[in-house]
Protein backbone atom coordinates (compact mmCIF):
# COMPACT_ATOMS: atom_id res chain seq x y z
CA UNK A 1 8.46 8.01 -4.34
CA UNK A 2 8.01 6.57 -7.83
CA UNK A 3 7.10 2.90 -8.32
CA UNK A 4 5.28 0.53 -10.65
CA UNK A 5 2.17 -1.62 -10.36
CA UNK A 6 1.13 -3.85 -13.27
CA UNK A 7 3.51 -1.96 -15.53
CA UNK A 8 1.98 1.43 -14.68
CA UNK A 9 4.07 4.19 -13.13
CA UNK A 10 2.64 5.62 -9.92
CA UNK A 11 3.96 7.80 -7.13
CA UNK A 12 3.25 8.43 -3.46
CA UNK A 13 4.15 11.55 -1.51
CA UNK A 14 7.32 10.59 0.42
CA UNK A 15 5.83 11.87 3.69
CA UNK A 16 3.06 9.26 3.45
CA UNK A 17 5.54 6.35 3.56
CA UNK A 18 6.78 5.39 7.02
CA UNK A 19 9.11 2.63 5.91
CA UNK A 20 10.05 0.36 3.04
CA UNK A 21 9.90 -3.34 3.85
CA UNK A 22 10.81 -6.49 1.94
CA UNK A 23 7.84 -8.76 1.37
CA UNK A 24 7.48 -10.98 4.46
CA UNK A 25 5.60 -14.25 4.63
CA UNK A 26 1.95 -13.29 4.50
CA UNK A 27 -0.91 -15.07 6.21
CA UNK A 28 -4.01 -15.09 4.03
CA UNK A 29 -7.11 -15.84 6.08
CA UNK A 30 -9.94 -17.29 3.97
CA UNK A 31 -12.26 -14.35 4.77
CA UNK A 32 -9.79 -11.74 3.48
CA UNK A 33 -11.07 -9.47 0.71
CA UNK A 34 -9.46 -10.14 -2.70
CA UNK A 35 -7.56 -6.83 -2.63
CA UNK A 36 -5.79 -7.93 0.59
CA UNK A 37 -2.69 -9.97 -0.32
CA UNK A 38 -2.46 -11.10 3.29
CA UNK A 39 -1.35 -9.97 6.72
CA UNK A 40 1.89 -9.85 8.60
CA UNK A 41 2.58 -8.89 12.18
CA UNK A 42 4.63 -5.75 12.70
CA UNK A 43 5.37 -4.15 16.06
CA UNK A 44 2.48 -6.00 17.71
CA UNK A 45 -0.12 -5.15 15.06
CA UNK A 46 -1.64 -7.10 12.19
CA UNK A 47 -0.80 -5.20 9.01
CA UNK A 48 -2.94 -5.81 5.93
CA UNK A 49 -1.13 -5.68 2.60
CA UNK A 50 -3.16 -4.13 -0.22
CA UNK A 51 -2.70 -5.23 -3.81
CA UNK A 52 -2.94 -2.00 -5.76
CA UNK A 53 -3.25 -3.94 -9.03
CA UNK A 54 -6.57 -5.44 -7.90
CA UNK A 55 -7.70 -2.28 -6.13
CA UNK A 56 -7.25 -0.20 -9.30
CA UNK A 57 -8.57 -2.89 -11.65
CA UNK A 58 -5.23 -3.33 -13.42
CA UNK A 59 -4.07 -6.64 -14.86
CA UNK A 60 -3.36 -8.95 -11.91
CA UNK A 61 0.35 -9.10 -11.11
CA UNK A 62 0.96 -11.62 -8.31
CA UNK A 63 3.74 -10.46 -5.97
CA UNK A 64 7.25 -11.63 -6.74
CA UNK A 65 9.68 -12.81 -4.08
CA UNK A 66 11.37 -9.43 -3.57
CA UNK A 67 8.36 -7.19 -4.11
CA UNK A 68 8.64 -4.03 -1.99
CA UNK A 69 6.06 -2.92 0.55
CA UNK A 70 5.39 0.66 1.58
CA UNK A 71 4.26 0.93 5.18
CA UNK A 72 1.82 3.79 5.60
CA UNK A 73 -0.57 5.04 8.26
CA UNK A 74 -4.24 4.69 7.49
CA UNK A 75 -6.79 6.01 9.99
CA UNK A 76 -4.32 5.48 12.83
CA UNK A 77 -3.55 1.92 11.76
CA UNK A 78 -0.59 0.50 9.85
CA UNK A 79 -1.25 -0.47 6.23
CA UNK A 80 1.16 -1.79 3.62
CA UNK A 81 0.92 -1.22 -0.12
CA UNK A 82 2.41 -3.78 -2.48
CA UNK A 83 4.41 -2.64 -5.51
CA UNK A 84 6.36 -4.37 -8.27
CA UNK A 85 9.40 -2.16 -8.22
CA UNK A 86 10.62 1.16 -6.82
CA UNK A 87 12.18 3.47 -9.41
CA UNK A 88 13.22 6.52 -7.47
CA UNK A 89 12.70 8.76 -4.48
CA UNK A 90 13.17 12.37 -5.44
CA UNK A 91 11.87 15.84 -4.76
CA UNK A 92 9.55 17.19 -7.44
CA UNK A 93 9.19 20.98 -7.53
CA UNK A 94 5.59 22.19 -7.45
CA UNK A 95 6.18 23.82 -10.85
CA UNK A 96 6.64 20.33 -12.37
CA UNK A 97 3.39 18.96 -10.94
CA UNK A 98 0.27 18.95 -13.05
CA UNK A 99 -3.08 18.65 -11.32
CA UNK A 100 -4.83 15.36 -12.07
CA UNK A 101 -8.47 15.25 -13.02
CA UNK A 102 -9.79 13.72 -9.79
CA UNK A 103 -13.09 12.87 -11.48
CA UNK A 104 -11.26 10.34 -13.63
CA UNK A 105 -10.09 8.27 -10.65
CA UNK A 106 -11.88 6.35 -7.96
CA UNK A 107 -12.48 8.48 -4.86
CA UNK A 108 -10.25 11.19 -6.37
CA UNK A 109 -7.12 9.27 -5.33
CA UNK A 110 -5.04 10.61 -8.26
CA UNK A 111 -3.94 14.06 -7.14
CA UNK A 112 -1.18 15.01 -9.59
CA UNK A 113 0.96 13.97 -12.51
CA UNK A 114 4.75 14.33 -12.39
CA UNK A 115 7.51 13.78 -14.94
CA UNK A 116 9.20 10.37 -14.81
CA UNK A 117 11.84 9.54 -17.40
CA UNK A 118 10.30 10.05 -20.83
CA UNK A 119 6.77 9.73 -19.45
CA UNK A 120 4.80 10.63 -16.37
CA UNK A 121 3.80 9.13 -13.05
CA UNK A 122 0.41 9.51 -11.40
CA UNK A 123 0.64 10.67 -7.79
CA UNK A 124 -1.89 8.92 -5.58
CA UNK A 125 -3.14 9.99 -2.16
CA UNK A 126 -3.13 6.88 0.08
CA UNK A 127 -5.85 8.35 2.29
CA UNK A 128 -8.24 8.22 -0.70
CA UNK A 129 -7.54 4.66 -1.86
CA UNK A 130 -10.59 3.11 -0.25
CA UNK A 131 -14.27 3.92 -0.21
CA UNK A 132 -15.89 4.42 3.18
CA UNK A 133 -17.46 0.94 3.13
CA UNK A 134 -14.10 -0.63 2.20
CA UNK A 135 -12.43 1.28 5.01
CA UNK A 136 -14.94 -0.08 7.54
CA UNK A 137 -14.51 -3.64 6.27
CA UNK A 138 -10.72 -3.41 6.30
CA UNK A 139 -10.71 -1.90 9.81
CA UNK A 140 -12.97 -4.69 11.08
CA UNK A 141 -10.83 -7.32 9.35
CA UNK A 142 -7.66 -5.84 10.83
CA UNK A 143 -9.19 -5.67 14.33
CA UNK A 144 -10.22 -9.36 14.10
CA UNK A 145 -6.70 -10.28 12.95
CA UNK A 146 -5.14 -8.29 15.82
CA UNK A 147 -7.41 -10.08 18.30
CA UNK A 148 -6.69 -13.51 16.79
CA UNK A 149 -2.92 -12.93 16.79
CA UNK A 150 -3.04 -11.71 20.40
CA UNK A 151 -4.94 -14.86 21.47
CA UNK A 152 -2.44 -17.06 19.70
CA UNK A 153 0.51 -15.15 21.09
CA UNK A 154 1.94 -15.06 17.58
CA UNK A 155 5.40 -13.51 17.36
CA UNK A 156 6.08 -10.55 15.12
CA UNK A 157 7.35 -11.38 11.67
CA UNK A 158 11.08 -11.24 11.09
CA UNK A 159 10.47 -7.88 9.39
CA UNK A 160 8.91 -6.46 12.54
CA UNK A 161 11.76 -7.65 14.72
CA UNK A 162 14.46 -6.18 12.45
CA UNK A 163 12.76 -2.82 12.14
CA UNK A 164 12.40 -2.19 15.88
């Protein structure tokens, strides 16, 4: 799956994406880390939305109205990744993949380079996006949000209801 973030072309393995979602209304608790655009409720769970532009240190690109989300699984929890635009979903033969130099990326999250148009796209491994400390903080933040939403009896977002 090929997409863009801050004008850079990235890709995710298709098997790592559970679902595409339109950007719902996000709740942004004051204690949320900067890389978390906000939360939405989906199938009874609080789902944090990560801003890859801030996570990767790219130029900040605030989400537009129709920005796509990629719902993934992260340590048994739902996680959404925010993109600017989706270009294509296509199979890439192994022969067209070039190994990425993992030492050049944080946590070795860049795993390959693939052809895209006249350039290339960097394939990222979503399981390597966060450092261990960030993972613990995000898990704790998500657990607190789940608990808070359960106490409030908050309904799922419209996205969650449609996707059931």
